[in-house]
């Protein structure tokens, strides 16, 4: 099946857009910003910038890097490797100037990297939710521990399922378990409807519990501001 999300970002970057990128849930659609959300320059400022800088060091693994906005910033400070499952997005990253962009799956890290390869890791875009289950999150954390050094850190993010702004999202669905929810997101572009993406949403407290028994602990939690106040950044460090 085609990947409308990757195709739209690719076409936007190369000035070949064939209509808008849409979020779809049944017959309801909303337009997704492409350039402003996925291709803009990432320049963290103030307290937010200080927070990210304090938790990341090189070599850095940028997972689910998309258009490469974070990799472009951090590669000027230390070695940064950016991975994405889409070859189209890797092409975009390389054309934008990401020096080490590779096709790779953040949920199969052992297939791509040796033990202790990275000092820190980053996944900003709520990709952790694509692990789909508690077992999936724990498996991901185990693989991430394998490819990072004993003193490694990681920055991940999520949408808080108990926040009103999250609950108003087009693809939000309730879950019977407290502190949980899920999203079923489909992208549509140029007449092509992509495969549904299943996101499992956990509160920061639930994610903290999911690190119990793993090599990681939640060291800090930072909430977004303004229209992104439903977004939560989690800083993890090795135990």
Protein backbone atom coordinates (compact mmCIF):
# COMPACT_ATOMS: atom_id res chain seq x y z
CA UNK A 1 0.00 0.00 0.00
CA UNK A 2 1.15 3.53 -0.73
CA UNK A 3 2.35 5.90 1.99
CA UNK A 4 0.47 9.19 1.44
CA UNK A 5 2.17 10.79 4.46
CA UNK A 6 5.69 10.24 3.11
CA UNK A 7 4.66 11.05 -0.46
CA UNK A 8 3.13 14.39 0.55
CA UNK A 9 6.22 15.46 2.50
CA UNK A 10 8.44 14.35 -0.38
CA UNK A 11 6.36 16.25 -2.95
CA UNK A 12 6.14 19.35 -0.77
CA UNK A 13 9.91 19.48 -0.36
CA UNK A 14 10.47 19.10 -4.10
CA UNK A 15 7.67 21.59 -4.99
CA UNK A 16 5.50 18.88 -6.57
CA UNK A 17 2.45 18.90 -4.28
CA UNK A 18 -0.66 17.32 -5.82
CA UNK A 19 -3.31 18.64 -3.46
CA UNK A 20 -3.48 18.74 0.35
CA UNK A 21 -2.47 16.03 2.81
CA UNK A 22 -5.58 15.03 4.77
CA UNK A 23 -6.26 13.33 8.07
CA UNK A 24 -9.26 11.02 7.56
CA UNK A 25 -11.63 9.29 9.97
CA UNK A 26 -14.46 7.76 7.99
CA UNK A 27 -16.03 10.56 5.98
CA UNK A 28 -14.58 13.31 8.18
CA UNK A 29 -11.33 14.94 7.08
CA UNK A 30 -9.01 17.69 8.25
CA UNK A 31 -6.12 19.20 6.34
CA UNK A 32 -2.68 18.47 7.73
CA UNK A 33 -0.04 21.16 7.55
CA UNK A 34 3.01 19.78 5.76
CA UNK A 35 5.68 22.43 5.41
CA UNK A 36 4.91 24.23 8.67
CA UNK A 37 4.80 21.02 10.72
CA UNK A 38 7.25 18.61 9.10
CA UNK A 39 9.67 20.72 7.06
CA UNK A 40 10.14 23.89 9.05
CA UNK A 41 13.44 24.72 10.73
CA UNK A 42 13.67 23.48 14.31
CA UNK A 43 15.24 26.11 16.53
CA UNK A 44 14.53 25.43 20.21
CA UNK A 45 14.56 28.59 22.27
CA UNK A 46 14.53 29.51 25.94
CA UNK A 47 13.67 26.93 28.56
CA UNK A 48 12.49 24.40 25.96
CA UNK A 49 15.79 24.57 24.12
CA UNK A 50 17.78 24.27 27.33
CA UNK A 51 15.73 21.22 28.33
CA UNK A 52 16.37 19.31 25.09
CA UNK A 53 20.04 20.27 25.04
CA UNK A 54 20.51 19.04 28.62
CA UNK A 55 19.29 15.53 27.85
CA UNK A 56 20.94 14.82 24.49
CA UNK A 57 24.53 14.11 23.51
CA UNK A 58 26.36 12.40 20.69
CA UNK A 59 26.39 10.06 19.02
CA UNK A 60 22.64 10.68 18.74
CA UNK A 61 20.05 8.44 17.09
CA UNK A 62 17.07 10.38 15.70
CA UNK A 63 14.27 7.83 15.26
CA UNK A 64 11.35 8.33 12.90
CA UNK A 65 13.15 11.41 11.69
CA UNK A 66 10.66 12.33 8.95
CA UNK A 67 11.86 15.47 7.18
CA UNK A 68 14.99 15.66 9.33
CA UNK A 69 14.23 18.88 11.19
CA UNK A 70 15.78 17.69 14.48
CA UNK A 71 18.72 15.93 12.82
CA UNK A 72 19.63 19.11 10.93
CA UNK A 73 19.90 20.96 14.21
CA UNK A 74 21.75 18.40 16.31
CA UNK A 75 24.23 17.28 13.64
CA UNK A 76 25.91 20.67 13.99
CA UNK A 77 26.71 19.80 17.62
CA UNK A 78 27.65 16.11 17.48
CA UNK A 79 27.37 12.97 15.36
CA UNK A 80 23.72 12.36 14.50
CA UNK A 81 22.22 9.37 12.67
CA UNK A 82 18.66 9.83 11.41
CA UNK A 83 16.45 6.86 10.52
CA UNK A 84 13.02 6.56 8.99
CA UNK A 85 11.16 3.56 7.55
CA UNK A 86 10.35 5.50 4.35
CA UNK A 87 12.93 5.71 1.55
CA UNK A 88 11.09 8.80 0.26
CA UNK A 89 11.63 10.61 3.55
CA UNK A 90 15.27 9.54 3.67
CA UNK A 91 15.65 11.09 0.21
CA UNK A 92 14.13 14.32 1.56
CA UNK A 93 16.47 14.34 4.55
CA UNK A 94 19.54 13.84 2.42
CA UNK A 95 18.47 16.59 0.02
CA UNK A 96 17.92 18.94 2.97
CA UNK A 97 21.46 18.31 4.20
CA UNK A 98 21.16 15.54 6.80
CA UNK A 99 24.60 13.97 6.59
CA UNK A 100 23.71 10.48 7.84
CA UNK A 101 20.13 9.57 6.93
CA UNK A 102 19.22 5.90 6.59
CA UNK A 103 16.20 3.69 6.03
CA UNK A 104 15.55 2.01 9.37
CA UNK A 105 12.80 0.86 11.71
CA UNK A 106 12.85 2.23 15.26
CA UNK A 107 11.05 -0.94 16.37
CA UNK A 108 13.80 -3.18 14.98
CA UNK A 109 16.94 -1.36 16.16
CA UNK A 110 19.04 -4.48 16.74
CA UNK A 111 18.78 -5.26 13.03
CA UNK A 112 20.53 -2.01 12.15
CA UNK A 113 22.97 -1.13 14.93
CA UNK A 114 25.56 -2.74 17.20
CA UNK A 115 25.46 -2.73 20.98
CA UNK A 116 26.39 0.58 22.68
CA UNK A 117 26.36 2.49 19.37
CA UNK A 118 24.69 5.69 20.67
CA UNK A 119 25.02 7.98 23.67
CA UNK A 120 21.46 9.29 23.35
CA UNK A 121 18.30 8.85 21.31
CA UNK A 122 15.42 11.05 20.21
CA UNK A 123 11.92 10.33 18.93
CA UNK A 124 9.76 13.46 18.78
CA UNK A 125 6.50 12.99 16.89
CA UNK A 126 4.67 10.60 19.27
CA UNK A 127 6.20 7.61 17.44
CA UNK A 128 6.43 5.70 20.72
CA UNK A 129 2.65 5.31 20.58
CA UNK A 130 3.06 3.18 17.44
CA UNK A 131 4.42 0.42 19.68
CA UNK A 132 0.69 -0.38 20.03
CA UNK A 133 0.78 -2.18 23.38
CA UNK A 134 2.48 -2.41 26.78
CA UNK A 135 4.52 -5.35 25.51
CA UNK A 136 5.48 -3.35 22.42
CA UNK A 137 6.71 -0.42 24.52
CA UNK A 138 8.80 -2.73 26.71
CA UNK A 139 10.27 -4.49 23.69
CA UNK A 140 11.19 -1.14 22.16
CA UNK A 141 12.86 -0.02 25.40
CA UNK A 142 14.87 -3.25 25.49
CA UNK A 143 16.09 -2.75 21.93
CA UNK A 144 16.88 0.90 22.63
CA UNK A 145 18.90 -0.15 25.68
CA UNK A 146 20.88 -2.59 23.51
CA UNK A 147 22.01 0.03 20.97
CA UNK A 148 22.84 2.73 23.56
CA UNK A 149 25.68 3.08 26.05
CA UNK A 150 25.32 2.25 29.77
CA UNK A 151 25.07 5.97 30.60
CA UNK A 152 22.66 6.80 27.78
CA UNK A 153 19.66 9.11 27.80
CA UNK A 154 16.62 9.32 25.54
CA UNK A 155 13.94 11.88 24.81
CA UNK A 156 10.53 10.59 23.70
CA UNK A 157 7.13 12.23 23.54
CA UNK A 158 3.43 11.44 23.62
CA UNK A 159 -0.01 13.02 23.71
CA UNK A 160 -1.63 12.94 27.14
CA UNK A 161 -4.88 10.96 26.67
CA UNK A 162 -6.50 12.74 29.61
CA UNK A 163 -5.98 16.23 28.17
CA UNK A 164 -9.01 17.90 26.55
CA UNK A 165 -7.03 18.90 23.46
CA UNK A 166 -6.03 15.27 22.85
CA UNK A 167 -9.62 14.13 23.30
CA UNK A 168 -10.72 16.60 20.62
CA UNK A 169 -8.42 15.09 17.99
CA UNK A 170 -10.15 13.70 14.89
CA UNK A 171 -8.91 10.15 15.44
CA UNK A 172 -9.21 9.88 19.25
CA UNK A 173 -10.95 6.87 20.81
CA UNK A 174 -11.67 6.09 24.45
CA UNK A 175 -10.14 3.07 26.19
CA UNK A 176 -11.74 1.17 29.06
CA UNK A 177 -8.45 1.24 30.99
CA UNK A 178 -7.84 4.45 32.99
CA UNK A 179 -4.92 6.50 31.71
CA UNK A 180 -5.11 4.91 28.25
CA UNK A 181 -6.68 5.76 24.90
CA UNK A 182 -5.92 5.14 21.25
CA UNK A 183 -5.91 6.80 17.87
CA UNK A 184 -6.61 5.29 14.45
CA UNK A 185 -5.16 7.70 11.92
CA UNK A 186 -5.33 7.51 8.13
CA UNK A 187 -3.65 9.90 5.73
CA UNK A 188 -5.02 10.70 2.29
CA UNK A 189 -3.07 12.40 -0.48
CA UNK A 190 -3.50 12.72 -4.25
CA UNK A 191 -6.46 10.35 -4.22
CA UNK A 192 -4.61 7.65 -2.29
CA UNK A 193 -5.73 6.50 1.17
CA UNK A 194 -3.03 5.00 3.35
CA UNK A 195 -3.11 2.10 5.75
CA UNK A 196 -4.50 3.02 9.20
CA UNK A 197 -1.92 3.85 11.88
CA UNK A 198 -2.79 2.56 15.34
CA UNK A 199 -1.47 4.66 18.22
CA UNK A 200 -1.80 3.54 21.84
CA UNK A 201 -1.84 6.53 24.18
CA UNK A 202 -0.51 6.36 27.73
CA UNK A 203 -0.38 9.04 30.39
CA UNK A 204 3.11 10.02 31.62
CA UNK A 205 2.35 8.11 34.81
CA UNK A 206 1.48 4.96 32.86
CA UNK A 207 4.67 5.25 30.80
CA UNK A 208 6.67 5.64 34.00
CA UNK A 209 5.16 2.35 35.20
CA UNK A 210 6.04 0.68 31.89
CA UNK A 211 9.73 1.41 32.46
CA UNK A 212 9.70 -0.60 35.70
CA UNK A 213 11.78 -3.73 35.16
CA UNK A 214 13.55 -2.25 32.12
CA UNK A 215 16.98 -0.64 31.81
CA UNK A 216 15.35 2.80 31.81
CA UNK A 217 13.70 5.18 34.25
CA UNK A 218 11.77 8.40 33.59
CA UNK A 219 14.10 11.11 34.86
CA UNK A 220 12.09 14.18 33.88
CA UNK A 221 8.77 15.17 32.30
CA UNK A 222 8.18 18.37 30.38
CA UNK A 223 4.77 19.52 29.17
CA UNK A 224 4.29 21.63 26.09
CA UNK A 225 2.79 25.10 26.08
CA UNK A 226 0.01 26.89 24.25
CA UNK A 227 -1.67 24.82 21.55
CA UNK A 228 0.81 22.01 22.29
CA UNK A 229 0.05 21.76 26.00
CA UNK A 230 -1.33 18.23 25.46
CA UNK A 231 2.11 17.11 24.27
CA UNK A 232 4.48 15.62 26.85
CA UNK A 233 8.26 15.17 26.53
CA UNK A 234 9.83 12.39 28.57
CA UNK A 235 13.51 12.25 29.43
CA UNK A 236 14.74 8.72 30.14
CA UNK A 237 18.08 7.64 31.55
CA UNK A 238 19.68 4.27 32.19
CA UNK A 239 19.32 2.84 35.69
